[in-house]
Amino acid sequence: MEVENIDNYSVYGGSLVKFTKMNNITQILSLTCKNSKCSIKKISKDEYMYLSTGEILKCNHIENRSQNINTIRSSISKLRNLINNNFVGGLNELWITLTFGENKVYNPKDLYSIFEKFIKRLRYSYKDLKFDYIYVPEPHEKGDWHIHLLLKADKTLYIENSTLNKIWGLGFVKVNRLKDIDNIGAYVSAYLINIKDGEKTKKGARLYLYPPRT
């Protein structure tokens, strides 16, 4: 997967401006100033030092992402750009949701090994295809998790819901095309940060469900 260069800023009219070309999308960011110097140095997971004075202080560890929402927003922004840099809605791409049935997963750390085993089964079932993917866990309000997956093959890709359901084997699956979506990164991000409540959408509500360092 291709990753953008986040430090490529130019000066226009006294402001720092960054142009990012991602397939059919051009993103323009403008900053009035940019702090390129770091005033602290992390010594360990519990301590950091002020470089100007040499003073060593204790880190304040956050207990949930609601105490550091800017961090998760930054992560979502980087993910959005990564998606737009690699997915355009072609016939070799699929948007997949993987859920869990009775054996729900409440610890996001358990998702990695579960997903890796699934990908191995998928590659075995489609030996004639080469896959790239971006997968993102999403939390529910009740504390359990499911997985969103962007899948990209080296040629036209078509997988029936019923076929993928057998390969996954852990719950309900949903397979969609990414057609008629101008900004795939924004489309996926909406799933990760918003919560649907009937006809209403609670924008950004899911941000508070992500635990620290996920």
N, C-alpha and C. Protein backbone atom coordinates (compact mmCIF):
# COMPACT_ATOMS: atom_id res chain seq x y z
N MET A 1 0.83 -1.20 0.00
CA MET A 1 0.00 0.00 0.00
C MET A 1 0.88 1.26 0.00
N GLU A 2 0.47 2.27 -0.75
CA GLU A 2 1.21 3.51 -0.82
C GLU A 2 0.79 4.45 0.31
N VAL A 3 1.76 5.12 0.93
CA VAL A 3 1.50 6.02 2.04
C VAL A 3 1.97 7.42 1.66
N GLU A 4 1.17 8.44 1.98
CA GLU A 4 1.51 9.81 1.62
C GLU A 4 2.66 10.35 2.47
N ASN A 5 3.36 11.37 1.97
CA ASN A 5 4.39 12.07 2.71
C ASN A 5 3.75 13.23 3.46
N ILE A 6 3.69 13.15 4.80
CA ILE A 6 2.95 14.14 5.58
C ILE A 6 3.73 15.42 5.83
N ASP A 7 5.00 15.46 5.43
CA ASP A 7 5.82 16.64 5.71
C ASP A 7 6.07 17.51 4.49
N ASN A 8 5.41 17.26 3.40
CA ASN A 8 5.67 17.96 2.15
C ASN A 8 4.84 19.24 2.04
N TYR A 9 5.24 20.28 2.76
CA TYR A 9 4.55 21.57 2.74
C TYR A 9 5.34 22.58 1.91
N SER A 10 4.61 23.50 1.25
CA SER A 10 5.21 24.61 0.51
C SER A 10 4.63 25.91 1.04
N VAL A 11 5.29 27.02 0.74
CA VAL A 11 4.84 28.33 1.21
C VAL A 11 4.14 29.07 0.08
N TYR A 12 2.87 29.47 0.33
CA TYR A 12 2.09 30.26 -0.64
C TYR A 12 1.42 31.41 0.11
N GLY A 13 1.72 32.64 -0.30
CA GLY A 13 1.08 33.81 0.30
C GLY A 13 1.28 33.91 1.80
N GLY A 14 2.43 33.48 2.30
CA GLY A 14 2.73 33.57 3.72
C GLY A 14 2.19 32.41 4.54
N SER A 15 1.46 31.47 3.92
CA SER A 15 0.92 30.32 4.64
C SER A 15 1.58 29.04 4.14
N LEU A 16 1.63 28.05 5.01
CA LEU A 16 2.13 26.74 4.63
C LEU A 16 0.98 25.95 3.99
N VAL A 17 1.20 25.47 2.79
CA VAL A 17 0.16 24.77 2.05
C VAL A 17 0.70 23.42 1.59
N LYS A 18 -0.15 22.40 1.74
CA LYS A 18 0.23 21.07 1.31
C LYS A 18 -0.82 20.54 0.33
N PHE A 19 -0.36 20.10 -0.84
CA PHE A 19 -1.22 19.48 -1.84
C PHE A 19 -0.96 17.98 -1.83
N THR A 20 -2.00 17.20 -1.64
CA THR A 20 -1.88 15.74 -1.66
C THR A 20 -2.76 15.19 -2.75
N LYS A 21 -2.14 14.54 -3.74
CA LYS A 21 -2.88 13.93 -4.84
C LYS A 21 -3.09 12.47 -4.53
N MET A 22 -4.37 12.04 -4.45
CA MET A 22 -4.70 10.65 -4.14
C MET A 22 -5.68 10.15 -5.19
N ASN A 23 -5.15 9.55 -6.26
CA ASN A 23 -5.97 9.07 -7.37
C ASN A 23 -6.86 10.20 -7.90
N ASN A 24 -8.19 10.11 -7.74
CA ASN A 24 -9.10 11.12 -8.29
C ASN A 24 -9.38 12.26 -7.32
N ILE A 25 -8.65 12.31 -6.19
CA ILE A 25 -8.90 13.31 -5.15
C ILE A 25 -7.64 14.14 -4.92
N THR A 26 -7.80 15.46 -4.86
CA THR A 26 -6.71 16.34 -4.48
C THR A 26 -7.08 17.05 -3.19
N GLN A 27 -6.26 16.87 -2.17
CA GLN A 27 -6.51 17.49 -0.85
C GLN A 27 -5.57 18.66 -0.66
N ILE A 28 -6.12 19.80 -0.20
CA ILE A 28 -5.32 20.99 0.05
C ILE A 28 -5.43 21.36 1.52
N LEU A 29 -4.30 21.42 2.22
CA LEU A 29 -4.26 21.81 3.62
C LEU A 29 -3.46 23.09 3.75
N SER A 30 -3.98 24.03 4.53
CA SER A 30 -3.30 25.31 4.72
C SER A 30 -3.07 25.55 6.21
N LEU A 31 -1.83 25.89 6.57
CA LEU A 31 -1.46 26.19 7.95
C LEU A 31 -0.86 27.59 8.03
N THR A 32 -1.24 28.35 9.04
CA THR A 32 -0.62 29.66 9.23
C THR A 32 0.75 29.52 9.87
N CYS A 33 0.96 28.44 10.60
CA CYS A 33 2.28 28.17 11.18
C CYS A 33 2.40 26.67 11.40
N LYS A 34 3.62 26.20 11.53
CA LYS A 34 3.89 24.78 11.73
C LYS A 34 5.07 24.63 12.69
N ASN A 35 4.84 23.95 13.79
CA ASN A 35 5.89 23.72 14.77
C ASN A 35 6.71 22.50 14.37
N SER A 36 7.92 22.73 13.91
CA SER A 36 8.77 21.63 13.43
C SER A 36 9.76 21.17 14.49
N LYS A 37 9.74 21.80 15.67
CA LYS A 37 10.68 21.44 16.73
C LYS A 37 9.94 20.75 17.87
N CYS A 38 10.52 19.68 18.38
CA CYS A 38 9.95 18.96 19.50
C CYS A 38 10.65 19.41 20.78
N SER A 39 9.88 19.84 21.78
CA SER A 39 10.47 20.38 23.01
C SER A 39 10.69 19.32 24.08
N ILE A 40 10.17 18.10 23.84
CA ILE A 40 10.33 17.04 24.83
C ILE A 40 10.91 15.79 24.19
N LYS A 41 11.45 14.92 25.03
CA LYS A 41 11.98 13.64 24.59
C LYS A 41 11.45 12.56 25.52
N LYS A 42 10.86 11.53 24.95
CA LYS A 42 10.32 10.45 25.76
C LYS A 42 11.46 9.53 26.19
N ILE A 43 11.54 9.28 27.50
CA ILE A 43 12.61 8.43 28.05
C ILE A 43 12.13 6.99 28.16
N SER A 44 10.93 6.82 28.66
CA SER A 44 10.33 5.51 28.81
C SER A 44 8.82 5.67 28.67
N LYS A 45 8.08 4.60 28.87
CA LYS A 45 6.63 4.71 28.75
C LYS A 45 6.03 5.53 29.88
N ASP A 46 6.83 5.78 30.95
CA ASP A 46 6.30 6.50 32.11
C ASP A 46 6.96 7.86 32.34
N GLU A 47 8.05 8.18 31.60
CA GLU A 47 8.77 9.43 31.86
C GLU A 47 9.14 10.13 30.55
N TYR A 48 9.22 11.49 30.63
CA TYR A 48 9.71 12.28 29.51
C TYR A 48 10.55 13.44 30.04
N MET A 49 11.36 14.06 29.14
CA MET A 49 12.29 15.12 29.56
C MET A 49 12.08 16.36 28.71
N TYR A 50 12.06 17.55 29.36
CA TYR A 50 12.07 18.82 28.65
C TYR A 50 13.49 19.06 28.16
N LEU A 51 13.67 19.18 26.85
CA LEU A 51 15.02 19.32 26.28
C LEU A 51 15.69 20.63 26.69
N SER A 52 14.89 21.68 26.88
CA SER A 52 15.48 22.99 27.20
C SER A 52 16.04 23.05 28.62
N THR A 53 15.46 22.30 29.54
CA THR A 53 15.86 22.37 30.95
C THR A 53 16.45 21.08 31.49
N GLY A 54 16.20 19.97 30.82
CA GLY A 54 16.66 18.68 31.32
C GLY A 54 15.75 18.11 32.41
N GLU A 55 14.63 18.80 32.69
CA GLU A 55 13.71 18.35 33.73
C GLU A 55 12.99 17.08 33.28
N ILE A 56 12.92 16.10 34.19
CA ILE A 56 12.26 14.83 33.90
C ILE A 56 10.92 14.77 34.64
N LEU A 57 9.86 14.47 33.90
CA LEU A 57 8.51 14.43 34.47
C LEU A 57 7.84 13.10 34.17
N LYS A 58 6.80 12.81 34.94
CA LYS A 58 6.02 11.59 34.77
C LYS A 58 4.96 11.80 33.68
N CYS A 59 4.70 10.76 32.89
CA CYS A 59 3.66 10.81 31.88
C CYS A 59 2.28 10.60 32.52
N ASN A 60 1.30 11.31 32.04
CA ASN A 60 -0.08 11.10 32.45
C ASN A 60 -0.75 10.19 31.43
N HIS A 61 -0.94 8.93 31.81
CA HIS A 61 -1.52 7.96 30.89
C HIS A 61 -3.03 8.14 30.82
N ILE A 62 -3.57 8.15 29.59
CA ILE A 62 -5.00 8.30 29.43
C ILE A 62 -5.69 6.95 29.63
N GLU A 63 -6.93 6.98 30.09
CA GLU A 63 -7.68 5.76 30.35
C GLU A 63 -8.62 5.42 29.20
N ASN A 64 -9.02 6.42 28.40
CA ASN A 64 -9.86 6.17 27.24
C ASN A 64 -9.63 7.26 26.21
N ARG A 65 -10.10 7.01 24.99
CA ARG A 65 -9.82 7.93 23.91
C ARG A 65 -10.56 9.25 24.05
N SER A 66 -11.58 9.30 24.93
CA SER A 66 -12.30 10.56 25.11
C SER A 66 -11.40 11.61 25.74
N GLN A 67 -10.31 11.17 26.39
CA GLN A 67 -9.37 12.11 26.99
C GLN A 67 -8.34 12.60 25.96
N ASN A 68 -8.34 12.03 24.79
CA ASN A 68 -7.40 12.45 23.77
C ASN A 68 -8.03 12.25 22.38
N ILE A 69 -9.17 12.91 22.17
CA ILE A 69 -9.93 12.74 20.94
C ILE A 69 -9.13 13.18 19.71
N ASN A 70 -8.27 14.19 19.88
CA ASN A 70 -7.48 14.66 18.74
C ASN A 70 -6.60 13.56 18.17
N THR A 71 -6.14 12.63 19.02
CA THR A 71 -5.30 11.54 18.57
C THR A 71 -6.05 10.61 17.64
N ILE A 72 -7.26 10.23 18.03
CA ILE A 72 -8.04 9.33 17.19
C ILE A 72 -8.48 10.02 15.91
N ARG A 73 -8.78 11.33 15.99
CA ARG A 73 -9.14 12.06 14.77
C ARG A 73 -7.97 12.10 13.79
N SER A 74 -6.77 12.27 14.34
CA SER A 74 -5.57 12.26 13.50
C SER A 74 -5.38 10.89 12.85
N SER A 75 -5.63 9.83 13.62
CA SER A 75 -5.50 8.47 13.08
C SER A 75 -6.50 8.23 11.96
N ILE A 76 -7.74 8.69 12.16
CA ILE A 76 -8.77 8.54 11.14
C ILE A 76 -8.41 9.31 9.88
N SER A 77 -7.85 10.52 10.05
CA SER A 77 -7.45 11.33 8.91
C SER A 77 -6.36 10.64 8.09
N LYS A 78 -5.38 10.05 8.77
CA LYS A 78 -4.32 9.33 8.07
C LYS A 78 -4.87 8.10 7.36
N LEU A 79 -5.81 7.41 8.02
CA LEU A 79 -6.44 6.25 7.41
C LEU A 79 -7.22 6.66 6.16
N ARG A 80 -7.95 7.77 6.25
CA ARG A 80 -8.73 8.26 5.11
C ARG A 80 -7.83 8.52 3.90
N ASN A 81 -6.68 9.14 4.13
CA ASN A 81 -5.75 9.41 3.03
C ASN A 81 -5.14 8.13 2.48
N LEU A 82 -4.84 7.18 3.38
CA LEU A 82 -4.28 5.90 2.93
C LEU A 82 -5.27 5.18 2.03
N ILE A 83 -6.54 5.20 2.41
CA ILE A 83 -7.58 4.55 1.60
C ILE A 83 -7.70 5.23 0.24
N ASN A 84 -7.79 6.55 0.23
CA ASN A 84 -7.95 7.29 -1.03
C ASN A 84 -6.74 7.15 -1.94
N ASN A 85 -5.59 6.86 -1.35
CA ASN A 85 -4.38 6.70 -2.13
C ASN A 85 -4.31 5.33 -2.80
N ASN A 86 -5.16 4.39 -2.36
CA ASN A 86 -5.06 3.02 -2.84
C ASN A 86 -6.35 2.41 -3.39
N PHE A 87 -7.50 3.06 -3.13
CA PHE A 87 -8.78 2.51 -3.58
C PHE A 87 -9.57 3.55 -4.38
N VAL A 88 -10.09 3.11 -5.53
CA VAL A 88 -10.83 4.02 -6.41
C VAL A 88 -12.21 3.48 -6.78
N GLY A 89 -12.59 2.31 -6.23
CA GLY A 89 -13.89 1.74 -6.55
C GLY A 89 -13.88 0.88 -7.79
N GLY A 90 -12.73 0.31 -8.14
CA GLY A 90 -12.61 -0.53 -9.32
C GLY A 90 -13.26 -1.89 -9.15
N LEU A 91 -13.35 -2.64 -10.22
CA LEU A 91 -13.95 -3.97 -10.19
C LEU A 91 -13.07 -5.00 -9.48
N ASN A 92 -11.86 -4.60 -9.15
CA ASN A 92 -10.96 -5.48 -8.38
C ASN A 92 -10.99 -5.16 -6.89
N GLU A 93 -11.98 -4.35 -6.45
CA GLU A 93 -12.05 -3.92 -5.05
C GLU A 93 -13.40 -4.28 -4.43
N LEU A 94 -13.37 -4.64 -3.15
CA LEU A 94 -14.59 -4.94 -2.41
C LEU A 94 -14.55 -4.29 -1.03
N TRP A 95 -15.73 -3.95 -0.52
CA TRP A 95 -15.92 -3.38 0.81
C TRP A 95 -16.67 -4.43 1.62
N ILE A 96 -16.03 -4.98 2.64
CA ILE A 96 -16.55 -6.15 3.35
C ILE A 96 -16.72 -5.84 4.84
N THR A 97 -17.81 -6.32 5.42
CA THR A 97 -18.03 -6.24 6.85
C THR A 97 -18.05 -7.65 7.42
N LEU A 98 -17.26 -7.88 8.48
CA LEU A 98 -17.16 -9.18 9.14
C LEU A 98 -17.64 -9.02 10.58
N THR A 99 -18.68 -9.73 10.94
CA THR A 99 -19.22 -9.62 12.30
C THR A 99 -19.10 -10.96 13.02
N PHE A 100 -19.36 -10.94 14.31
CA PHE A 100 -19.29 -12.13 15.13
C PHE A 100 -20.69 -12.52 15.60
N GLY A 101 -20.94 -13.82 15.67
CA GLY A 101 -22.24 -14.32 16.11
C GLY A 101 -22.31 -14.40 17.62
N GLU A 102 -22.53 -15.60 18.15
CA GLU A 102 -22.67 -15.78 19.59
C GLU A 102 -21.37 -15.51 20.33
N ASN A 103 -20.25 -15.88 19.73
CA ASN A 103 -18.94 -15.69 20.38
C ASN A 103 -18.37 -14.32 20.03
N LYS A 104 -18.94 -13.30 20.62
CA LYS A 104 -18.53 -11.93 20.34
C LYS A 104 -17.14 -11.65 20.92
N VAL A 105 -16.44 -10.71 20.31
CA VAL A 105 -15.09 -10.35 20.74
C VAL A 105 -15.14 -9.00 21.44
N TYR A 106 -14.65 -8.97 22.68
CA TYR A 106 -14.67 -7.74 23.48
C TYR A 106 -13.28 -7.14 23.66
N ASN A 107 -12.25 -7.91 23.37
CA ASN A 107 -10.88 -7.40 23.47
C ASN A 107 -10.33 -7.19 22.06
N PRO A 108 -10.08 -5.92 21.66
CA PRO A 108 -9.63 -5.66 20.28
C PRO A 108 -8.30 -6.33 19.95
N LYS A 109 -7.50 -6.66 20.97
CA LYS A 109 -6.23 -7.32 20.72
C LYS A 109 -6.42 -8.74 20.17
N ASP A 110 -7.58 -9.34 20.44
CA ASP A 110 -7.86 -10.68 19.93
C ASP A 110 -8.20 -10.68 18.45
N LEU A 111 -8.55 -9.52 17.90
CA LEU A 111 -9.00 -9.45 16.51
C LEU A 111 -7.88 -9.76 15.52
N TYR A 112 -6.65 -9.40 15.85
CA TYR A 112 -5.55 -9.55 14.90
C TYR A 112 -5.34 -11.01 14.51
N SER A 113 -5.23 -11.90 15.50
CA SER A 113 -4.98 -13.31 15.19
C SER A 113 -6.19 -13.92 14.47
N ILE A 114 -7.41 -13.50 14.86
CA ILE A 114 -8.61 -14.00 14.19
C ILE A 114 -8.61 -13.57 12.72
N PHE A 115 -8.27 -12.32 12.48
CA PHE A 115 -8.27 -11.81 11.11
C PHE A 115 -7.17 -12.46 10.28
N GLU A 116 -5.98 -12.65 10.84
CA GLU A 116 -4.88 -13.26 10.10
C GLU A 116 -5.24 -14.67 9.65
N LYS A 117 -5.93 -15.43 10.50
CA LYS A 117 -6.35 -16.78 10.13
C LYS A 117 -7.38 -16.73 9.00
N PHE A 118 -8.27 -15.73 9.05
CA PHE A 118 -9.27 -15.56 8.00
C PHE A 118 -8.60 -15.24 6.66
N ILE A 119 -7.63 -14.33 6.67
CA ILE A 119 -6.94 -13.96 5.43
C ILE A 119 -6.21 -15.16 4.83
N LYS A 120 -5.64 -16.01 5.67
CA LYS A 120 -4.97 -17.21 5.17
C LYS A 120 -5.98 -18.14 4.49
N ARG A 121 -7.17 -18.27 5.09
CA ARG A 121 -8.20 -19.11 4.48
C ARG A 121 -8.68 -18.50 3.16
N LEU A 122 -8.79 -17.17 3.12
CA LEU A 122 -9.23 -16.49 1.91
C LEU A 122 -8.21 -16.67 0.78
N ARG A 123 -6.94 -16.49 1.09
CA ARG A 123 -5.89 -16.66 0.08
C ARG A 123 -5.87 -18.10 -0.44
N TYR A 124 -6.10 -19.06 0.45
CA TYR A 124 -6.11 -20.47 0.05
C TYR A 124 -7.29 -20.75 -0.88
N SER A 125 -8.43 -20.11 -0.60
CA SER A 125 -9.63 -20.33 -1.40
C SER A 125 -9.53 -19.67 -2.78
N TYR A 126 -8.71 -18.61 -2.88
CA TYR A 126 -8.56 -17.88 -4.15
C TYR A 126 -7.07 -17.80 -4.50
N LYS A 127 -6.49 -18.96 -4.78
CA LYS A 127 -5.05 -19.06 -5.01
C LYS A 127 -4.60 -18.32 -6.26
N ASP A 128 -5.53 -18.08 -7.18
CA ASP A 128 -5.17 -17.41 -8.44
C ASP A 128 -5.14 -15.89 -8.31
N LEU A 129 -5.47 -15.35 -7.13
CA LEU A 129 -5.50 -13.91 -6.92
C LEU A 129 -4.45 -13.48 -5.90
N LYS A 130 -3.95 -12.26 -6.11
CA LYS A 130 -3.07 -11.63 -5.13
C LYS A 130 -3.83 -10.51 -4.46
N PHE A 131 -3.85 -10.51 -3.12
CA PHE A 131 -4.65 -9.56 -2.37
C PHE A 131 -3.80 -8.52 -1.65
N ASP A 132 -4.28 -7.27 -1.65
CA ASP A 132 -3.87 -6.24 -0.70
C ASP A 132 -5.11 -5.85 0.08
N TYR A 133 -4.94 -5.32 1.28
CA TYR A 133 -6.13 -4.99 2.07
C TYR A 133 -5.81 -3.96 3.14
N ILE A 134 -6.86 -3.30 3.57
CA ILE A 134 -6.84 -2.46 4.76
C ILE A 134 -7.99 -2.93 5.63
N TYR A 135 -7.70 -3.34 6.86
CA TYR A 135 -8.80 -3.75 7.73
C TYR A 135 -8.80 -2.89 8.98
N VAL A 136 -10.01 -2.55 9.43
CA VAL A 136 -10.17 -1.65 10.57
C VAL A 136 -11.21 -2.22 11.53
N PRO A 137 -10.87 -2.46 12.79
CA PRO A 137 -11.85 -2.88 13.79
C PRO A 137 -12.76 -1.71 14.17
N GLU A 138 -14.03 -2.00 14.43
CA GLU A 138 -14.99 -0.98 14.84
C GLU A 138 -15.71 -1.43 16.12
N PRO A 139 -15.75 -0.56 17.14
CA PRO A 139 -16.40 -0.93 18.40
C PRO A 139 -17.90 -0.66 18.38
N HIS A 140 -18.64 -1.50 19.09
CA HIS A 140 -20.07 -1.28 19.31
C HIS A 140 -20.28 -0.62 20.68
N GLU A 141 -21.42 -0.03 20.85
CA GLU A 141 -21.73 0.62 22.12
C GLU A 141 -21.78 -0.37 23.28
N LYS A 142 -22.06 -1.64 22.99
CA LYS A 142 -22.13 -2.66 24.04
C LYS A 142 -20.76 -3.24 24.39
N GLY A 143 -19.71 -2.78 23.69
CA GLY A 143 -18.36 -3.20 24.03
C GLY A 143 -17.75 -4.25 23.13
N ASP A 144 -18.54 -4.86 22.25
CA ASP A 144 -17.99 -5.86 21.33
C ASP A 144 -17.53 -5.18 20.04
N TRP A 145 -16.86 -5.96 19.19
CA TRP A 145 -16.22 -5.40 18.00
C TRP A 145 -16.62 -6.18 16.74
N HIS A 146 -16.54 -5.50 15.59
CA HIS A 146 -16.57 -6.19 14.31
C HIS A 146 -15.51 -5.56 13.41
N ILE A 147 -15.37 -6.08 12.20
CA ILE A 147 -14.26 -5.68 11.33
C ILE A 147 -14.78 -5.16 10.00
N HIS A 148 -14.22 -4.03 9.55
CA HIS A 148 -14.43 -3.55 8.18
C HIS A 148 -13.17 -3.85 7.38
N LEU A 149 -13.35 -4.29 6.15
CA LEU A 149 -12.23 -4.71 5.33
C LEU A 149 -12.36 -4.14 3.92
N LEU A 150 -11.32 -3.46 3.47
CA LEU A 150 -11.20 -3.05 2.07
C LEU A 150 -10.24 -4.03 1.41
N LEU A 151 -10.75 -4.74 0.40
CA LEU A 151 -9.98 -5.80 -0.23
C LEU A 151 -9.72 -5.45 -1.69
N LYS A 152 -8.48 -5.65 -2.14
CA LYS A 152 -8.09 -5.28 -3.50
C LYS A 152 -7.29 -6.43 -4.10
N ALA A 153 -7.69 -6.86 -5.29
CA ALA A 153 -7.00 -7.95 -5.97
C ALA A 153 -6.28 -7.44 -7.21
N ASP A 154 -5.44 -8.31 -7.79
CA ASP A 154 -4.68 -7.91 -8.98
C ASP A 154 -5.49 -8.05 -10.26
N LYS A 155 -6.74 -8.51 -10.15
CA LYS A 155 -7.66 -8.55 -11.30
C LYS A 155 -9.09 -8.53 -10.78
N THR A 156 -10.06 -8.58 -11.68
CA THR A 156 -11.46 -8.47 -11.29
C THR A 156 -11.79 -9.42 -10.14
N LEU A 157 -12.49 -8.88 -9.13
CA LEU A 157 -12.75 -9.63 -7.90
C LEU A 157 -14.25 -9.70 -7.65
N TYR A 158 -14.73 -10.94 -7.47
CA TYR A 158 -16.14 -11.14 -7.15
C TYR A 158 -16.25 -12.29 -6.16
N ILE A 159 -16.87 -12.04 -5.01
CA ILE A 159 -17.06 -13.07 -3.99
C ILE A 159 -18.51 -13.01 -3.52
N GLU A 160 -19.20 -14.11 -3.59
CA GLU A 160 -20.57 -14.18 -3.10
C GLU A 160 -20.60 -14.07 -1.58
N ASN A 161 -21.67 -13.47 -1.07
CA ASN A 161 -21.86 -13.38 0.37
C ASN A 161 -21.80 -14.77 1.02
N SER A 162 -22.49 -15.72 0.41
CA SER A 162 -22.56 -17.07 0.96
C SER A 162 -21.19 -17.74 0.99
N THR A 163 -20.38 -17.49 -0.05
CA THR A 163 -19.03 -18.07 -0.10
C THR A 163 -18.14 -17.48 0.98
N LEU A 164 -18.19 -16.15 1.11
CA LEU A 164 -17.36 -15.50 2.12
C LEU A 164 -17.82 -15.88 3.53
N ASN A 165 -19.11 -16.08 3.69
CA ASN A 165 -19.64 -16.46 4.99
C ASN A 165 -19.05 -17.79 5.45
N LYS A 166 -18.87 -18.73 4.52
CA LYS A 166 -18.26 -20.03 4.85
C LYS A 166 -16.78 -19.87 5.20
N ILE A 167 -16.09 -18.99 4.47
CA ILE A 167 -14.67 -18.78 4.74
C ILE A 167 -14.47 -18.09 6.10
N TRP A 168 -15.32 -17.12 6.41
CA TRP A 168 -15.25 -16.40 7.69
C TRP A 168 -15.68 -17.33 8.82
N GLY A 169 -16.88 -17.85 8.75
CA GLY A 169 -17.35 -18.87 9.68
C GLY A 169 -17.59 -18.44 11.11
N LEU A 170 -17.63 -17.12 11.37
CA LEU A 170 -17.75 -16.65 12.75
C LEU A 170 -18.97 -15.77 12.98
N GLY A 171 -19.74 -15.52 11.93
CA GLY A 171 -20.89 -14.64 12.05
C GLY A 171 -21.33 -14.14 10.71
N PHE A 172 -22.09 -13.07 10.70
CA PHE A 172 -22.65 -12.49 9.48
C PHE A 172 -21.58 -11.73 8.70
N VAL A 173 -21.63 -11.83 7.36
CA VAL A 173 -20.73 -11.05 6.50
C VAL A 173 -21.56 -10.27 5.48
N LYS A 174 -20.98 -9.19 4.98
CA LYS A 174 -21.64 -8.39 3.95
C LYS A 174 -20.59 -7.94 2.95
N VAL A 175 -20.84 -8.20 1.67
CA VAL A 175 -19.90 -7.84 0.61
C VAL A 175 -20.54 -6.79 -0.29
N ASN A 176 -19.84 -5.67 -0.51
CA ASN A 176 -20.35 -4.59 -1.36
C ASN A 176 -19.29 -4.13 -2.34
N ARG A 177 -19.77 -3.59 -3.47
CA ARG A 177 -18.89 -2.86 -4.38
C ARG A 177 -18.74 -1.44 -3.88
N LEU A 178 -17.69 -0.77 -4.31
CA LEU A 178 -17.44 0.63 -3.95
C LEU A 178 -17.77 1.56 -5.12
N LYS A 179 -18.75 1.20 -5.90
CA LYS A 179 -19.10 2.00 -7.08
C LYS A 179 -19.86 3.25 -6.67
N ASP A 180 -19.75 4.28 -7.50
CA ASP A 180 -20.48 5.54 -7.33
C ASP A 180 -20.15 6.25 -6.01
N ILE A 181 -18.94 6.04 -5.50
CA ILE A 181 -18.49 6.72 -4.29
C ILE A 181 -17.29 7.58 -4.66
N ASP A 182 -17.44 8.90 -4.58
CA ASP A 182 -16.36 9.81 -5.00
C ASP A 182 -15.18 9.82 -4.04
N ASN A 183 -15.48 9.72 -2.73
CA ASN A 183 -14.45 9.80 -1.71
C ASN A 183 -14.57 8.57 -0.80
N ILE A 184 -13.89 7.50 -1.17
CA ILE A 184 -14.00 6.24 -0.44
C ILE A 184 -13.48 6.36 0.97
N GLY A 185 -12.41 7.14 1.16
CA GLY A 185 -11.85 7.33 2.50
C GLY A 185 -12.84 7.97 3.44
N ALA A 186 -13.56 8.99 2.96
CA ALA A 186 -14.58 9.66 3.78
C ALA A 186 -15.75 8.73 4.06
N TYR A 187 -16.11 7.91 3.07
CA TYR A 187 -17.22 6.96 3.22
C TYR A 187 -16.91 5.95 4.32
N VAL A 188 -15.71 5.39 4.30
CA VAL A 188 -15.31 4.42 5.32
C VAL A 188 -15.18 5.09 6.68
N SER A 189 -14.61 6.28 6.71
CA SER A 189 -14.42 7.00 7.98
C SER A 189 -15.74 7.26 8.68
N ALA A 190 -16.79 7.52 7.90
CA ALA A 190 -18.10 7.77 8.49
C ALA A 190 -18.58 6.56 9.29
N TYR A 191 -18.29 5.36 8.79
CA TYR A 191 -18.65 4.14 9.51
C TYR A 191 -17.90 4.05 10.84
N LEU A 192 -16.65 4.53 10.83
CA LEU A 192 -15.79 4.35 11.99
C LEU A 192 -16.04 5.37 13.10
N ILE A 193 -16.62 6.53 12.77
CA ILE A 193 -16.76 7.58 13.79
C ILE A 193 -18.20 7.96 14.11
N ASN A 194 -19.15 7.62 13.20
CA ASN A 194 -20.55 7.99 13.43
C ASN A 194 -21.36 6.79 13.91
N ILE A 195 -22.46 7.05 14.59
CA ILE A 195 -23.37 6.00 15.05
C ILE A 195 -24.76 6.30 14.53
N LYS A 196 -25.37 5.31 13.87
CA LYS A 196 -26.74 5.45 13.38
C LYS A 196 -27.71 5.11 14.50
N ASP A 197 -28.63 6.02 14.77
CA ASP A 197 -29.67 5.82 15.78
C ASP A 197 -31.02 6.02 15.09
N GLY A 198 -31.57 4.95 14.53
CA GLY A 198 -32.78 5.08 13.73
C GLY A 198 -32.50 5.87 12.48
N GLU A 199 -33.25 6.95 12.28
CA GLU A 199 -33.05 7.82 11.12
C GLU A 199 -31.99 8.88 11.37
N LYS A 200 -31.54 9.00 12.61
CA LYS A 200 -30.57 10.03 12.96
C LYS A 200 -29.15 9.48 12.95
N THR A 201 -28.19 10.36 12.69
CA THR A 201 -26.78 10.01 12.72
C THR A 201 -26.09 10.84 13.79
N LYS A 202 -25.47 10.15 14.77
CA LYS A 202 -24.71 10.84 15.81
C LYS A 202 -23.27 10.98 15.32
N LYS A 203 -22.96 12.14 14.77
CA LYS A 203 -21.64 12.35 14.18
C LYS A 203 -20.55 12.38 15.25
N GLY A 204 -19.51 11.57 15.05
CA GLY A 204 -18.36 11.53 15.95
C GLY A 204 -18.60 10.75 17.22
N ALA A 205 -19.79 10.19 17.42
CA ALA A 205 -20.11 9.52 18.68
C ALA A 205 -19.25 8.28 18.93
N ARG A 206 -18.86 7.59 17.86
CA ARG A 206 -18.09 6.36 18.04
C ARG A 206 -16.65 6.61 18.46
N LEU A 207 -16.16 7.83 18.28
CA LEU A 207 -14.80 8.16 18.69
C LEU A 207 -14.56 7.84 20.16
N TYR A 208 -15.61 8.02 20.97
CA TYR A 208 -15.48 7.85 22.42
C TYR A 208 -15.48 6.37 22.83
N LEU A 209 -15.71 5.47 21.88
CA LEU A 209 -15.76 4.04 22.21
C LEU A 209 -14.41 3.36 22.00
N TYR A 210 -13.49 4.04 21.31
CA TYR A 210 -12.18 3.43 21.06
C TYR A 210 -11.31 3.53 22.31
N PRO A 211 -10.75 2.40 22.77
CA PRO A 211 -9.86 2.44 23.93
C PRO A 211 -8.51 3.05 23.57
N PRO A 212 -7.68 3.39 24.56
CA PRO A 212 -6.36 3.98 24.27
C PRO A 212 -5.49 3.04 23.46
N ARG A 213 -4.68 3.66 22.58
CA ARG A 213 -3.65 2.94 21.81
C ARG A 213 -4.22 1.81 20.97
N THR A 214 -5.42 2.04 20.36
CA THR A 214 -5.96 1.06 19.44
C THR A 214 -5.96 1.63 18.02
